[in-house]
Each structure stands twice: as C-alpha cells, then as structure tokens.
Amino acid sequence: MGEFPKEPTESESGQEIRQELNEMLESADGSWSVYVRSFDQEEAAFEYGRDKVFYAASINKLPIALYALSQVEEGKIGLSDKLEVTEEVKRPGTGILRLLHEGLDVTVEDALTLMMAVSDNTAAKLMVRKAGPENINQYLEASGLADTRLEVLPEGKFSYGYTTAKESAQLLRGIHNAEYVSPEASRKLLGMMGRNHFSHGVRRYLPKDLKIANKEGSLEDNRHEIAAVMAERPYAICVFADELADQSYHVDNAGVLQRARIAEKVHALMQENGENT
C-alpha cells in the first residue's frame, strides 16, 4: 500500500484523498508505481511501489539530455555541434526527424529540444551516438542512480533501458535544484520539457496556467510519465505502469486516463496538506 507520512495537521479531507489514491492504485489494471516529492524535501510526500524497476521507454531521454548538457558544460560537446540525419540513424516511432530528408544537419541543441518536446527517437539516437551509451550509464551511476540506465546492445546499439519512479523523482529534483549542472543548464532542460506536446496525462486535469515540465514514455504495455509541477512549492510526480491491457496509443488510453486522475488527486493532496498553498 502507498505510504503518506502523516502531518499532525493533516485534514480529514487530506486523509480521504490519500485513501482514494491507494484504492485507485490497488484496483487499477496493471502494475503501478508512484513517487511524489516536494523539491525542498528529502522524503516522499506520497509513494506506492516506489522501487519497482520498469522498462523506461522514452522516460530515459531525460537522463540522456542531462548527460549531454553536463558535457556541454565541460566543453566536450557544443550546443551548436552538427549531427547528420542519415537513413541508417533514423528510428521508427515518435518524432519528426525520421520524416525529413537524408543528409540534414541538426545541432545538438535542436536534437535535445526535439527529444524533450516531441520525444524524437532519431534525435535520441543521434545524442546517444554523440555522447556514448557507456558514458551515460557511468554518469548515472556516479550520480547515485543505481537503477536508471540504458541497455547497451552489440554493434553500438542501445535501448532506453530501465528506471524507477523514485529515481526519476530524484532526477527531477536534482535538475530543478541545479545539483547536476549549472542553474542555467537546468533551466534550459526544464524549459525544453515545458514545451512537451503531450498534455493528456499529468497535465490533463491540472490548472491550465500551472507550469509543468513533463516527459512521457510509452511502449506496448508500458505507460509512464514524470513531471516537475511548478506550483508555489514545486514538486515532482512520477507515475509508472506496465502490464496494462490497453496498449493503444490513443490519447484516451485507459492507462493515460488513470494517470491523469492520479495526478489530479496528488495535486489536491499536496494542496490540502499545505504542500502548495
């Protein structure tokens, strides 16, 4: 069962919301993990199945981008460096680079923006080739993210690998608090996430004027999303699910709708318990 550390002043309404969240997750189709934390707190505000390791899908485009920006700051990669889009590098699925002509050059900054804004798989492949999958994994391990890693395959290939809801929240907190890269680079990365076109999950039922930097990941029975919610007291919400019966990529996919309802409840809970008043 999910755990929410009770505050002495927790209201009856807050307790009811917490109970509703637990019931939603326990009765939901599939296997779920949720981790929520304010960026100024070490402990979770709400957690459920926090340490389950999931196939990350496109969630792990965020650590790829973070590592790239760390290399920019070290002078090993330039934001204006050119990356050539060849037929060999194009990947199916989300993104627009696969639709464009062979031989196109994009900058590192363009590729990072496309990864975050439209989850471009070809842009991600370009960046992993530029940075090196083993280097990315070493960086993540050194950053204390033991379960977040790319899967390195033969012949220079890779998959997006694995992560957990807890480590994804840790990653978001570290980016927001400029623990990994400079404040300027951290703001740049969150700004790229803020341009994300996917608004049917965490964003769906939250206030439209609330700034949210999010990244989703979907493949087969996996439907995940992580988000930095820029409320008065900002917080991370990370919702992962697999073993879902609905494997459609429709905006009203059952798992996506459930995630939206979870995010709505979480936001109400954070407000009710004084997290974001």
Protein backbone atom coordinates (compact mmCIF):
# COMPACT_ATOMS: atom_id res chain seq x y z
CA MET A 1 0.00 0.00 0.00
CA GLY A 2 1.14 3.53 -0.69
CA GLU A 3 2.53 5.47 2.22
CA PHE A 4 1.95 9.12 3.01
CA PRO A 5 3.80 10.43 6.06
CA LYS A 6 1.06 11.97 8.14
CA GLU A 7 1.40 15.56 9.22
CA PRO A 8 -0.05 16.39 12.63
CA THR A 9 -2.30 18.93 10.95
CA GLU A 10 -3.42 16.66 8.13
CA SER A 11 -7.05 17.39 7.47
CA GLU A 12 -9.82 14.85 7.23
CA SER A 13 -10.12 15.74 3.57
CA GLY A 14 -6.41 15.04 3.06
CA GLN A 15 -6.78 11.62 4.66
CA GLU A 16 -9.72 10.87 2.40
CA ILE A 17 -7.76 11.83 -0.72
CA ARG A 18 -4.86 9.66 0.40
CA GLN A 19 -7.17 6.71 0.90
CA GLU A 20 -8.75 7.29 -2.50
CA LEU A 21 -5.31 7.28 -4.12
CA ASN A 22 -4.40 3.98 -2.51
CA GLU A 23 -7.70 2.45 -3.57
CA MET A 24 -7.28 3.72 -7.13
CA LEU A 25 -3.83 2.16 -7.41
CA GLU A 26 -4.75 -1.12 -5.78
CA SER A 27 -7.78 -1.65 -8.01
CA ALA A 28 -6.25 -0.35 -11.26
CA ASP A 29 -5.48 -2.61 -14.18
CA GLY A 30 -1.78 -3.36 -14.49
CA SER A 31 1.10 -2.80 -12.09
CA TRP A 32 1.68 0.75 -10.83
CA SER A 33 4.36 2.79 -9.11
CA VAL A 34 4.01 6.40 -7.94
CA TYR A 35 6.50 8.67 -6.25
CA VAL A 36 5.83 12.29 -5.28
CA ARG A 37 8.16 14.70 -3.50
CA SER A 38 8.49 18.43 -2.99
CA PHE A 39 11.79 19.76 -4.29
CA ASP A 40 12.68 21.18 -0.87
CA GLN A 41 12.11 17.89 0.98
CA GLU A 42 14.20 14.73 1.26
CA GLU A 43 11.28 12.42 1.97
CA ALA A 44 8.41 11.40 -0.26
CA ALA A 45 5.07 13.12 0.06
CA PHE A 46 3.38 10.04 -1.39
CA GLU A 47 4.75 6.73 -2.59
CA TYR A 48 3.37 3.49 -3.93
CA GLY A 49 5.55 0.66 -5.22
CA ARG A 50 8.40 3.16 -5.42
CA ASP A 51 11.30 0.78 -6.10
CA LYS A 52 9.85 -1.38 -8.85
CA VAL A 53 12.16 -1.31 -11.87
CA PHE A 54 10.34 -0.56 -15.12
CA TYR A 55 11.37 -0.57 -18.74
CA ALA A 56 11.85 3.18 -19.09
CA ALA A 57 10.78 3.73 -22.69
CA SER A 58 11.19 7.42 -23.56
CA ILE A 59 11.48 8.49 -19.91
CA ASN A 60 15.21 7.88 -20.22
CA LYS A 61 15.54 10.57 -22.85
CA LEU A 62 15.77 12.90 -19.85
CA PRO A 63 18.99 11.43 -18.41
CA ILE A 64 20.43 11.30 -21.94
CA ALA A 65 19.76 15.04 -22.28
CA LEU A 66 21.10 15.75 -18.80
CA TYR A 67 24.37 13.97 -19.54
CA ALA A 68 24.72 15.82 -22.83
CA LEU A 69 24.33 19.16 -21.05
CA SER A 70 26.91 18.13 -18.47
CA GLN A 71 29.31 17.50 -21.34
CA VAL A 72 28.46 20.88 -22.85
CA GLU A 73 29.48 22.49 -19.56
CA GLU A 74 32.76 20.57 -19.59
CA GLY A 75 33.46 21.76 -23.12
CA LYS A 76 33.36 18.26 -24.60
CA ILE A 77 30.17 18.87 -26.61
CA GLY A 78 28.95 22.11 -28.15
CA LEU A 79 25.29 23.08 -28.40
CA SER A 80 25.99 24.18 -31.97
CA ASP A 81 27.76 20.94 -32.94
CA LYS A 82 26.16 19.43 -36.05
CA LEU A 83 24.62 15.95 -36.16
CA GLU A 84 23.85 14.38 -39.54
CA VAL A 85 20.50 12.66 -40.05
CA THR A 86 21.21 9.62 -42.24
CA GLU A 87 18.80 6.85 -43.22
CA GLU A 88 20.75 4.47 -41.01
CA VAL A 89 20.26 6.61 -37.91
CA LYS A 90 16.51 7.13 -38.35
CA ARG A 91 14.32 5.32 -35.82
CA PRO A 92 10.62 4.49 -36.02
CA GLY A 93 8.06 5.77 -33.56
CA THR A 94 7.71 9.28 -32.22
CA GLY A 95 9.46 12.29 -33.67
CA ILE A 96 9.82 14.16 -36.94
CA LEU A 97 13.46 13.69 -37.98
CA ARG A 98 12.66 10.27 -39.46
CA LEU A 99 10.34 12.05 -41.93
CA LEU A 100 12.95 14.52 -43.17
CA HIS A 101 15.49 14.16 -45.96
CA GLU A 102 18.73 12.26 -45.59
CA GLY A 103 21.79 14.39 -45.01
CA LEU A 104 20.02 17.02 -42.92
CA ASP A 105 22.22 18.54 -40.21
CA VAL A 106 20.72 19.42 -36.83
CA THR A 107 22.51 20.98 -33.89
CA VAL A 108 22.91 19.32 -30.52
CA GLU A 109 20.55 21.92 -29.05
CA ASP A 110 17.96 21.14 -31.74
CA ALA A 111 18.25 17.41 -31.05
CA LEU A 112 17.82 17.92 -27.30
CA THR A 113 14.77 20.11 -27.88
CA LEU A 114 13.21 17.53 -30.20
CA MET A 115 13.86 14.78 -27.65
CA MET A 116 12.02 16.68 -24.94
CA ALA A 117 9.28 18.43 -26.95
CA VAL A 118 8.18 15.64 -29.32
CA SER A 119 10.06 12.64 -27.89
CA ASP A 120 12.03 12.27 -31.11
CA ASN A 121 13.62 8.80 -31.25
CA THR A 122 16.01 9.71 -34.04
CA ALA A 123 17.24 12.74 -32.10
CA ALA A 124 17.82 10.47 -29.10
CA LYS A 125 19.87 8.06 -31.20
CA LEU A 126 21.95 10.95 -32.52
CA MET A 127 22.63 12.15 -28.98
CA VAL A 128 23.50 8.69 -27.63
CA ARG A 129 25.92 8.21 -30.51
CA LYS A 130 27.45 11.60 -29.75
CA ALA A 131 27.75 11.01 -26.01
CA GLY A 132 28.28 7.23 -25.82
CA PRO A 133 25.84 4.90 -24.01
CA GLU A 134 28.51 3.58 -21.63
CA ASN A 135 29.46 7.14 -20.67
CA ILE A 136 25.82 7.96 -19.94
CA ASN A 137 25.50 4.90 -17.70
CA GLN A 138 28.70 5.73 -15.83
CA TYR A 139 27.43 9.27 -15.23
CA LEU A 140 24.10 7.99 -13.89
CA GLU A 141 25.80 5.53 -11.56
CA ALA A 142 28.16 8.23 -10.28
CA SER A 143 25.11 10.44 -9.67
CA GLY A 144 23.60 7.83 -7.33
CA LEU A 145 21.04 6.50 -9.80
CA ALA A 146 21.70 2.77 -9.48
CA ASP A 147 18.57 1.56 -11.29
CA THR A 148 18.47 4.15 -14.08
CA ARG A 149 20.49 3.04 -17.08
CA LEU A 150 20.46 2.48 -20.81
CA GLU A 151 20.70 -1.06 -22.11
CA VAL A 152 23.87 -1.29 -24.18
CA LEU A 153 23.50 -3.70 -27.10
CA PRO A 154 26.02 -5.12 -29.61
CA GLU A 155 27.23 -3.13 -32.62
CA GLY A 156 26.80 0.23 -30.93
CA LYS A 157 23.05 -0.18 -30.47
CA PHE A 158 21.08 0.57 -27.32
CA SER A 159 17.62 0.52 -25.81
CA TYR A 160 16.21 3.08 -23.39
CA GLY A 161 16.79 0.66 -20.54
CA TYR A 162 15.31 0.93 -17.07
CA THR A 163 14.44 3.22 -14.17
CA THR A 164 12.18 3.56 -11.13
CA ALA A 165 9.63 6.14 -10.04
CA LYS A 166 11.77 7.04 -7.02
CA GLU A 167 14.94 7.60 -9.06
CA SER A 168 13.03 9.59 -11.67
CA ALA A 169 11.79 11.90 -8.91
CA GLN A 170 15.35 12.15 -7.60
CA LEU A 171 16.50 13.10 -11.09
CA LEU A 172 13.84 15.81 -11.43
CA ARG A 173 14.67 17.21 -8.01
CA GLY A 174 18.36 17.33 -8.86
CA ILE A 175 17.69 19.12 -12.13
CA HIS A 176 15.32 21.63 -10.52
CA ASN A 177 17.78 22.31 -7.70
CA ALA A 178 20.77 22.54 -10.09
CA GLU A 179 22.58 19.65 -8.40
CA TYR A 180 23.83 18.08 -11.64
CA VAL A 181 24.53 21.01 -13.93
CA SER A 182 24.51 24.80 -13.60
CA PRO A 183 21.30 26.72 -12.87
CA GLU A 184 21.34 28.00 -16.46
CA ALA A 185 21.63 24.50 -17.94
CA SER A 186 19.00 23.20 -15.51
CA ARG A 187 16.56 25.92 -16.56
CA LYS A 188 17.29 25.16 -20.22
CA LEU A 189 16.46 21.48 -19.75
CA LEU A 190 13.26 22.18 -17.79
CA GLY A 191 12.32 24.73 -20.45
CA MET A 192 12.69 22.07 -23.14
CA MET A 193 10.48 19.74 -21.11
CA GLY A 194 7.96 22.54 -20.67
CA ARG A 195 7.48 22.59 -24.46
CA ASN A 196 6.36 18.96 -24.42
CA HIS A 197 3.36 18.48 -26.69
CA PHE A 198 1.96 15.63 -24.57
CA SER A 199 -0.78 17.06 -22.36
CA HIS A 200 -3.18 14.13 -21.94
CA GLY A 201 -1.67 12.60 -18.80
CA VAL A 202 -0.42 14.55 -15.79
CA ARG A 203 -1.45 17.89 -17.32
CA ARG A 204 -4.98 16.83 -18.32
CA TYR A 205 -6.91 17.80 -15.17
CA LEU A 206 -4.48 20.25 -13.55
CA PRO A 207 -4.92 24.05 -13.79
CA LYS A 208 -4.12 25.26 -17.29
CA ASP A 209 -1.98 28.14 -16.01
CA LEU A 210 0.20 25.82 -13.92
CA LYS A 211 3.67 25.43 -15.43
CA ILE A 212 4.58 21.78 -15.84
CA ALA A 213 7.74 20.26 -17.32
CA ASN A 214 6.93 16.68 -18.24
CA LYS A 215 8.23 13.66 -20.13
CA GLU A 216 6.18 10.62 -21.07
CA GLY A 217 7.20 7.14 -22.13
CA SER A 218 5.04 4.53 -23.85
CA LEU A 219 5.77 1.14 -25.39
CA GLU A 220 3.46 -1.85 -25.67
CA ASP A 221 2.01 -2.34 -22.15
CA ASN A 222 4.08 0.45 -20.55
CA ARG A 223 2.62 3.92 -19.91
CA HIS A 224 4.80 6.26 -17.82
CA GLU A 225 5.13 9.97 -17.12
CA ILE A 226 7.37 12.12 -14.95
CA ALA A 227 6.75 15.81 -14.31
CA ALA A 228 8.06 18.80 -12.42
CA VAL A 229 4.97 20.72 -11.31
CA MET A 230 5.86 24.37 -10.76
CA ALA A 231 3.33 25.15 -8.06
CA GLU A 232 4.15 27.71 -5.37
CA ARG A 233 6.05 24.89 -3.72
CA PRO A 234 7.25 22.86 -6.73
CA TYR A 235 7.14 19.09 -6.67
CA ALA A 236 7.88 16.02 -8.75
CA ILE A 237 5.28 13.43 -9.64
CA CYS A 238 6.39 10.20 -11.31
CA VAL A 239 3.78 7.65 -12.38
CA PHE A 240 4.76 4.34 -13.96
CA ALA A 241 2.58 1.45 -15.12
CA ASP A 242 3.08 -1.78 -17.02
CA GLU A 243 1.14 -4.99 -17.67
CA LEU A 244 -1.70 -2.78 -18.97
CA ALA A 245 -4.44 -4.38 -21.04
CA ASP A 246 -4.97 -1.28 -23.19
CA GLN A 247 -1.93 -0.97 -25.44
CA SER A 248 -3.42 1.62 -27.80
CA TYR A 249 -1.65 4.91 -28.44
CA HIS A 250 -4.89 6.88 -28.28
CA VAL A 251 -4.96 10.00 -26.09
CA ASP A 252 -7.72 8.33 -24.07
CA ASN A 253 -5.74 5.16 -23.44
CA ALA A 254 -7.03 3.67 -20.16
CA GLY A 255 -3.61 3.88 -18.51
CA VAL A 256 -3.15 7.51 -19.55
CA LEU A 257 -6.58 8.42 -18.19
CA GLN A 258 -5.82 6.67 -14.92
CA ARG A 259 -2.54 8.58 -14.69
CA ALA A 260 -4.39 11.85 -15.22
CA ARG A 261 -6.78 11.02 -12.39
CA ILE A 262 -3.86 10.09 -10.13
CA ALA A 263 -2.14 13.41 -10.89
CA GLU A 264 -5.34 15.31 -10.11
CA LYS A 265 -5.65 13.55 -6.74
CA VAL A 266 -1.98 14.08 -5.95
CA HIS A 267 -2.21 17.80 -6.67
CA ALA A 268 -5.26 18.10 -4.42
CA LEU A 269 -3.45 16.18 -1.71
CA MET A 270 -0.38 18.41 -1.90
CA GLN A 271 -2.57 21.49 -1.59
CA GLU A 272 -4.71 20.03 1.20
CA ASN A 273 -1.70 19.17 3.32
CA GLY A 274 -0.08 22.56 2.95
CA GLU A 275 2.48 21.45 0.37
CA ASN A 276 1.39 24.06 -2.18
CA THR A 277 -0.85 26.69 -0.65
